[in-house]
Amino acid sequence: AMNRVQLLGRVGQDPIMRQVEGRNPVTIFSLATNEMWRTGDGDVTQGGEIWHPTSLFLCNLGDISQKTTWHRISVFRPGLRDVTYQYVKKGARLYVEGKIDYGEYTDKNNVRRQATTIIA
């Protein structure tokens, strides 16, 4: 079995470092990826990346549509965690490789929520 994801996108906010009592610290940030497609035949390319055509219409820019997806990135490895916290900044273009983690938590209103995180 394999659980691996590769993302190329823009950092949404400066990373923050959190530490829960009794656990190792983690650096957390968001990453935006964009999909673009032409509402006809063929692929649309932008910035050297290839986007696949689809029938989903979220934002129509003439005959080109796009969708932005936000990903939550968590970095636990000590060296990478510290470098990420110190040098990664909002707006930076970043390649992230890791695994997908599906988890649950209870929010402030005692409601169970699901969260998808990329563990880098």
N, C-alpha and C. Protein backbone atom coordinates (compact mmCIF):
# COMPACT_ATOMS: atom_id res chain seq x y z
N ALA A 1 0.85 -1.19 0.00
CA ALA A 1 0.00 0.00 0.00
C ALA A 1 0.88 1.23 0.00
N MET A 2 0.35 2.31 -0.55
CA MET A 2 1.10 3.55 -0.62
C MET A 2 0.18 4.72 -0.28
N ASN A 3 0.65 5.62 0.56
CA ASN A 3 -0.07 6.85 0.90
C ASN A 3 0.92 7.98 0.66
N ARG A 4 0.84 8.62 -0.51
CA ARG A 4 1.79 9.66 -0.87
C ARG A 4 1.09 10.74 -1.67
N VAL A 5 1.41 11.99 -1.36
CA VAL A 5 0.82 13.11 -2.08
C VAL A 5 1.93 14.11 -2.41
N GLN A 6 1.82 14.73 -3.58
CA GLN A 6 2.75 15.76 -4.01
C GLN A 6 1.93 16.99 -4.38
N LEU A 7 2.29 18.14 -3.81
CA LEU A 7 1.56 19.38 -4.05
C LEU A 7 2.53 20.48 -4.45
N LEU A 8 2.10 21.34 -5.35
CA LEU A 8 2.84 22.53 -5.72
C LEU A 8 1.85 23.68 -5.66
N GLY A 9 2.12 24.63 -4.77
CA GLY A 9 1.17 25.72 -4.62
C GLY A 9 1.78 26.91 -3.90
N ARG A 10 0.91 27.78 -3.42
CA ARG A 10 1.32 29.00 -2.71
C ARG A 10 0.92 28.90 -1.25
N VAL A 11 1.82 29.35 -0.38
CA VAL A 11 1.60 29.32 1.07
C VAL A 11 0.55 30.38 1.42
N GLY A 12 -0.46 29.99 2.21
CA GLY A 12 -1.57 30.88 2.55
C GLY A 12 -1.30 31.82 3.71
N GLN A 13 -0.50 31.41 4.66
CA GLN A 13 -0.14 32.28 5.79
C GLN A 13 1.20 31.82 6.33
N ASP A 14 1.89 32.72 7.05
CA ASP A 14 3.16 32.33 7.65
C ASP A 14 2.93 31.12 8.55
N PRO A 15 3.83 30.15 8.53
CA PRO A 15 3.68 28.96 9.38
C PRO A 15 3.67 29.32 10.86
N ILE A 16 2.95 28.53 11.63
CA ILE A 16 2.95 28.66 13.08
C ILE A 16 3.47 27.36 13.67
N MET A 17 4.06 27.45 14.86
CA MET A 17 4.53 26.25 15.54
C MET A 17 3.67 26.06 16.78
N ARG A 18 3.16 24.85 16.94
CA ARG A 18 2.32 24.51 18.09
C ARG A 18 2.92 23.33 18.83
N GLN A 19 2.68 23.33 20.13
CA GLN A 19 3.10 22.18 20.93
C GLN A 19 2.01 21.87 21.94
N VAL A 20 1.50 20.66 21.85
CA VAL A 20 0.52 20.18 22.81
C VAL A 20 1.30 19.49 23.92
N GLU A 21 0.85 19.70 25.13
CA GLU A 21 1.56 19.14 26.29
C GLU A 21 1.82 17.65 26.12
N GLY A 22 3.07 17.26 26.32
CA GLY A 22 3.45 15.86 26.23
C GLY A 22 3.69 15.36 24.82
N ARG A 23 3.61 16.24 23.83
CA ARG A 23 3.83 15.83 22.44
C ARG A 23 4.90 16.71 21.81
N ASN A 24 5.45 16.24 20.70
CA ASN A 24 6.46 17.00 19.97
C ASN A 24 5.82 18.20 19.28
N PRO A 25 6.58 19.29 19.10
CA PRO A 25 6.03 20.44 18.38
C PRO A 25 5.75 20.12 16.92
N VAL A 26 4.89 20.91 16.30
CA VAL A 26 4.53 20.74 14.89
C VAL A 26 4.43 22.13 14.26
N THR A 27 4.92 22.25 13.02
CA THR A 27 4.75 23.48 12.26
C THR A 27 3.59 23.27 11.30
N ILE A 28 2.68 24.24 11.28
CA ILE A 28 1.44 24.13 10.49
C ILE A 28 1.31 25.34 9.58
N PHE A 29 0.89 25.08 8.33
CA PHE A 29 0.56 26.17 7.41
C PHE A 29 -0.41 25.65 6.36
N SER A 30 -1.00 26.57 5.61
CA SER A 30 -1.91 26.18 4.54
C SER A 30 -1.24 26.40 3.20
N LEU A 31 -1.65 25.59 2.23
CA LEU A 31 -1.11 25.67 0.88
C LEU A 31 -2.27 25.64 -0.10
N ALA A 32 -2.28 26.60 -1.03
CA ALA A 32 -3.33 26.68 -2.05
C ALA A 32 -2.82 26.08 -3.35
N THR A 33 -3.61 25.18 -3.92
CA THR A 33 -3.32 24.67 -5.26
C THR A 33 -4.46 25.10 -6.17
N ASN A 34 -4.14 25.32 -7.44
CA ASN A 34 -5.14 25.76 -8.41
C ASN A 34 -5.25 24.76 -9.54
N GLU A 35 -6.47 24.54 -9.96
CA GLU A 35 -6.75 23.76 -11.16
C GLU A 35 -7.36 24.71 -12.17
N MET A 36 -6.89 24.64 -13.40
CA MET A 36 -7.48 25.44 -14.47
C MET A 36 -7.81 24.52 -15.63
N TRP A 37 -8.89 24.84 -16.35
CA TRP A 37 -9.25 24.04 -17.50
C TRP A 37 -10.04 24.87 -18.48
N ARG A 38 -9.93 24.49 -19.73
CA ARG A 38 -10.69 25.13 -20.80
C ARG A 38 -12.02 24.39 -20.90
N THR A 39 -13.09 25.11 -21.09
CA THR A 39 -14.41 24.49 -21.12
C THR A 39 -14.72 23.90 -22.50
N GLY A 40 -13.71 23.26 -23.05
CA GLY A 40 -13.85 22.57 -24.33
C GLY A 40 -12.82 21.46 -24.38
N ASP A 41 -12.37 21.12 -25.57
CA ASP A 41 -11.37 20.08 -25.72
C ASP A 41 -9.97 20.63 -25.46
N GLY A 42 -9.09 19.79 -24.95
CA GLY A 42 -7.69 20.14 -24.78
C GLY A 42 -7.35 20.55 -23.37
N ASP A 43 -6.04 20.61 -23.10
CA ASP A 43 -5.52 21.00 -21.80
C ASP A 43 -5.13 22.47 -21.82
N VAL A 44 -5.19 23.10 -20.66
CA VAL A 44 -4.73 24.46 -20.50
C VAL A 44 -3.44 24.39 -19.70
N THR A 45 -2.41 25.11 -20.12
CA THR A 45 -1.17 25.13 -19.36
C THR A 45 -0.96 26.52 -18.80
N GLN A 46 -0.39 26.56 -17.59
CA GLN A 46 -0.07 27.84 -16.96
C GLN A 46 1.14 27.64 -16.07
N GLY A 47 2.15 28.45 -16.25
CA GLY A 47 3.33 28.39 -15.39
C GLY A 47 4.05 27.05 -15.44
N GLY A 48 3.98 26.36 -16.56
CA GLY A 48 4.67 25.09 -16.68
C GLY A 48 3.91 23.92 -16.09
N GLU A 49 2.72 24.17 -15.54
CA GLU A 49 1.93 23.10 -14.96
C GLU A 49 0.80 22.77 -15.92
N ILE A 50 0.42 21.51 -16.00
CA ILE A 50 -0.66 21.10 -16.90
C ILE A 50 -1.91 20.85 -16.07
N TRP A 51 -3.01 21.44 -16.49
CA TRP A 51 -4.28 21.29 -15.80
C TRP A 51 -5.21 20.49 -16.70
N HIS A 52 -5.99 19.62 -16.12
CA HIS A 52 -6.81 18.70 -16.90
C HIS A 52 -8.22 19.26 -17.11
N PRO A 53 -8.79 19.02 -18.27
CA PRO A 53 -10.15 19.49 -18.52
C PRO A 53 -11.15 18.71 -17.66
N THR A 54 -12.21 19.38 -17.30
CA THR A 54 -13.26 18.75 -16.50
C THR A 54 -14.56 19.49 -16.75
N SER A 55 -15.66 18.96 -16.28
CA SER A 55 -16.94 19.61 -16.51
C SER A 55 -17.39 20.45 -15.32
N LEU A 56 -16.54 20.63 -14.31
CA LEU A 56 -16.88 21.40 -13.12
C LEU A 56 -16.68 22.88 -13.39
N PHE A 57 -17.70 23.72 -13.13
CA PHE A 57 -17.60 25.15 -13.38
C PHE A 57 -17.73 25.90 -12.07
N LEU A 58 -16.61 26.43 -11.57
CA LEU A 58 -16.64 27.17 -10.31
C LEU A 58 -16.41 28.65 -10.53
N CYS A 59 -15.48 29.01 -11.38
CA CYS A 59 -15.15 30.40 -11.66
C CYS A 59 -14.90 30.48 -13.15
N ASN A 60 -15.74 31.16 -13.90
CA ASN A 60 -15.62 31.19 -15.34
C ASN A 60 -14.86 32.43 -15.77
N LEU A 61 -13.74 32.25 -16.42
CA LEU A 61 -12.92 33.34 -16.95
C LEU A 61 -12.96 33.24 -18.47
N GLY A 62 -14.09 33.61 -19.06
CA GLY A 62 -14.26 33.40 -20.48
C GLY A 62 -14.46 31.93 -20.72
N ASP A 63 -13.57 31.31 -21.50
CA ASP A 63 -13.68 29.87 -21.74
C ASP A 63 -12.70 29.08 -20.87
N ILE A 64 -12.14 29.74 -19.83
CA ILE A 64 -11.24 29.06 -18.89
C ILE A 64 -11.87 29.13 -17.50
N SER A 65 -11.90 27.99 -16.81
CA SER A 65 -12.44 27.94 -15.45
C SER A 65 -11.32 27.54 -14.50
N GLN A 66 -11.49 27.86 -13.22
CA GLN A 66 -10.48 27.49 -12.24
C GLN A 66 -11.10 27.16 -10.90
N LYS A 67 -10.36 26.39 -10.12
CA LYS A 67 -10.76 26.01 -8.77
C LYS A 67 -9.53 26.05 -7.88
N THR A 68 -9.63 26.69 -6.71
CA THR A 68 -8.55 26.72 -5.73
C THR A 68 -8.91 25.77 -4.59
N THR A 69 -7.96 24.92 -4.20
CA THR A 69 -8.14 24.00 -3.08
C THR A 69 -7.10 24.34 -2.02
N TRP A 70 -7.54 24.44 -0.76
CA TRP A 70 -6.65 24.72 0.36
C TRP A 70 -6.32 23.42 1.08
N HIS A 71 -5.04 23.25 1.40
CA HIS A 71 -4.55 22.06 2.07
C HIS A 71 -3.89 22.47 3.39
N ARG A 72 -4.14 21.72 4.43
CA ARG A 72 -3.49 21.94 5.73
C ARG A 72 -2.24 21.07 5.77
N ILE A 73 -1.09 21.69 5.99
CA ILE A 73 0.19 20.98 6.00
C ILE A 73 0.73 20.98 7.43
N SER A 74 1.14 19.80 7.92
CA SER A 74 1.76 19.67 9.24
C SER A 74 3.14 19.05 9.07
N VAL A 75 4.15 19.68 9.70
CA VAL A 75 5.52 19.21 9.60
C VAL A 75 5.99 18.83 11.00
N PHE A 76 6.29 17.54 11.22
CA PHE A 76 6.69 17.04 12.53
C PHE A 76 8.19 16.79 12.65
N ARG A 77 8.87 16.44 11.54
CA ARG A 77 10.30 16.11 11.60
C ARG A 77 11.10 17.30 12.09
N PRO A 78 11.91 17.13 13.15
CA PRO A 78 12.58 18.26 13.81
C PRO A 78 13.34 19.21 12.88
N GLY A 79 14.22 18.73 12.03
CA GLY A 79 14.97 19.63 11.17
C GLY A 79 14.09 20.36 10.18
N LEU A 80 13.23 19.62 9.49
CA LEU A 80 12.34 20.20 8.50
C LEU A 80 11.32 21.13 9.15
N ARG A 81 10.82 20.73 10.31
CA ARG A 81 9.84 21.54 11.05
C ARG A 81 10.42 22.92 11.36
N ASP A 82 11.67 22.97 11.84
CA ASP A 82 12.28 24.23 12.23
C ASP A 82 12.61 25.11 11.02
N VAL A 83 13.13 24.50 9.95
CA VAL A 83 13.44 25.25 8.74
C VAL A 83 12.16 25.83 8.12
N THR A 84 11.10 25.03 8.11
CA THR A 84 9.82 25.49 7.58
C THR A 84 9.32 26.69 8.37
N TYR A 85 9.36 26.58 9.68
CA TYR A 85 8.88 27.67 10.54
C TYR A 85 9.70 28.95 10.33
N GLN A 86 10.99 28.80 10.15
CA GLN A 86 11.87 29.97 10.05
C GLN A 86 11.85 30.63 8.67
N TYR A 87 11.80 29.85 7.59
CA TYR A 87 12.03 30.40 6.26
C TYR A 87 10.81 30.46 5.34
N VAL A 88 9.80 29.64 5.54
CA VAL A 88 8.64 29.66 4.65
C VAL A 88 7.75 30.85 5.03
N LYS A 89 7.33 31.61 4.02
CA LYS A 89 6.53 32.81 4.25
C LYS A 89 5.29 32.80 3.37
N LYS A 90 4.27 33.55 3.79
CA LYS A 90 3.03 33.68 3.04
C LYS A 90 3.32 34.12 1.60
N GLY A 91 2.68 33.46 0.65
CA GLY A 91 2.83 33.79 -0.76
C GLY A 91 3.93 33.04 -1.48
N ALA A 92 4.80 32.38 -0.72
CA ALA A 92 5.90 31.63 -1.34
C ALA A 92 5.35 30.45 -2.14
N ARG A 93 5.97 30.16 -3.27
CA ARG A 93 5.61 28.98 -4.04
C ARG A 93 6.40 27.82 -3.45
N LEU A 94 5.70 26.72 -3.15
CA LEU A 94 6.33 25.64 -2.40
C LEU A 94 5.87 24.28 -2.93
N TYR A 95 6.82 23.35 -3.00
CA TYR A 95 6.54 21.96 -3.31
C TYR A 95 6.52 21.19 -2.00
N VAL A 96 5.46 20.43 -1.78
CA VAL A 96 5.31 19.66 -0.55
C VAL A 96 5.06 18.20 -0.92
N GLU A 97 5.75 17.31 -0.24
CA GLU A 97 5.55 15.88 -0.43
C GLU A 97 5.28 15.27 0.93
N GLY A 98 4.28 14.42 1.01
CA GLY A 98 3.97 13.80 2.29
C GLY A 98 2.89 12.76 2.15
N LYS A 99 2.17 12.53 3.25
CA LYS A 99 1.09 11.54 3.24
C LYS A 99 -0.20 12.21 3.72
N ILE A 100 -1.32 11.65 3.32
CA ILE A 100 -2.62 12.16 3.73
C ILE A 100 -3.02 11.51 5.04
N ASP A 101 -3.50 12.34 5.97
CA ASP A 101 -3.96 11.83 7.27
C ASP A 101 -5.39 12.34 7.49
N TYR A 102 -6.29 11.42 7.77
CA TYR A 102 -7.67 11.77 8.07
C TYR A 102 -7.87 11.64 9.58
N GLY A 103 -8.32 12.70 10.20
CA GLY A 103 -8.50 12.66 11.64
C GLY A 103 -9.81 13.29 12.07
N GLU A 104 -10.12 13.12 13.34
CA GLU A 104 -11.31 13.72 13.93
C GLU A 104 -10.90 14.49 15.17
N TYR A 105 -11.65 15.54 15.45
CA TYR A 105 -11.43 16.31 16.66
C TYR A 105 -12.75 16.91 17.11
N THR A 106 -12.79 17.41 18.34
CA THR A 106 -13.99 18.06 18.87
C THR A 106 -13.69 19.54 18.98
N ASP A 107 -14.54 20.38 18.37
CA ASP A 107 -14.29 21.82 18.38
C ASP A 107 -14.74 22.45 19.70
N LYS A 108 -14.63 23.78 19.79
CA LYS A 108 -14.95 24.52 21.01
C LYS A 108 -16.41 24.35 21.44
N ASN A 109 -17.28 24.09 20.46
CA ASN A 109 -18.71 23.91 20.74
C ASN A 109 -19.08 22.46 20.97
N ASN A 110 -18.07 21.62 21.20
CA ASN A 110 -18.26 20.19 21.47
C ASN A 110 -18.89 19.45 20.28
N VAL A 111 -18.55 19.90 19.06
CA VAL A 111 -19.04 19.26 17.84
C VAL A 111 -17.88 18.47 17.23
N ARG A 112 -18.14 17.21 16.88
CA ARG A 112 -17.11 16.37 16.25
C ARG A 112 -16.90 16.82 14.81
N ARG A 113 -15.66 17.04 14.45
CA ARG A 113 -15.30 17.49 13.10
C ARG A 113 -14.28 16.53 12.50
N GLN A 114 -14.24 16.50 11.18
CA GLN A 114 -13.24 15.72 10.47
C GLN A 114 -12.24 16.68 9.84
N ALA A 115 -10.98 16.28 9.80
CA ALA A 115 -9.92 17.11 9.23
C ALA A 115 -9.01 16.25 8.36
N THR A 116 -8.66 16.79 7.22
CA THR A 116 -7.68 16.15 6.33
C THR A 116 -6.42 16.96 6.40
N THR A 117 -5.30 16.32 6.66
CA THR A 117 -4.01 16.99 6.81
C THR A 117 -2.97 16.27 5.97
N ILE A 118 -2.07 17.05 5.39
CA ILE A 118 -0.91 16.48 4.70
C ILE A 118 0.24 16.50 5.71
N ILE A 119 0.78 15.32 6.01
CA ILE A 119 1.90 15.20 6.91
C ILE A 119 3.19 15.21 6.06
N ALA A 120 3.94 16.30 6.15
CA ALA A 120 5.14 16.47 5.32
C ALA A 120 6.38 16.02 6.08
